Amino acid sequence: QVQLVESGGGLVQAGGSLRLSCAASGRTFASAPMGWFRQPPGKEREFVAAISWNGGSTYYADSVKGRFTISRDNAKNTVYLQMNMLKPEDTAVYYCAVPGREVNYMRLSANLWDYDYWGQGTQVTVSS
């Protein structure tokens, strides 16, 4: 059974930093891209960042480019999201996700429907 578990969320002041982690278990995702999404209060879930299987390619939403960094450690089956210069509008539940179908392994997607496995989410709150 595949399980993704996020951690590292919390309350931080604007301008601060947090590092999210997402540990996968049940199968290895060493050959799959991994992504981060977020859902602000009262809004739809949106793309944040994605990383290729070997970490060689990354893709960011414009709203986080230059502030957030996605990385991964395949030996630990874990993906990270380093979030710097946080803003109140970054407040959301953050989810990691992985595609389950190999057809989606060859590209970095910002579309929710390309991802089949999701974590339970971790809350990030940025105060002004």
Foldseek 3Di string as FASTA:
>chain_A
DKAKAKDWADEEAAQAKIKMKIFIDDDACLLAKKFKWWAAPPGDIWGAKIAASVRPDMDGDPVQPPFKDWDDDRVRSMIMIIGGRDDQVVWTWMKMFIAPDVVNRPDTDGDPVRTDDMHPTDTHGYHD
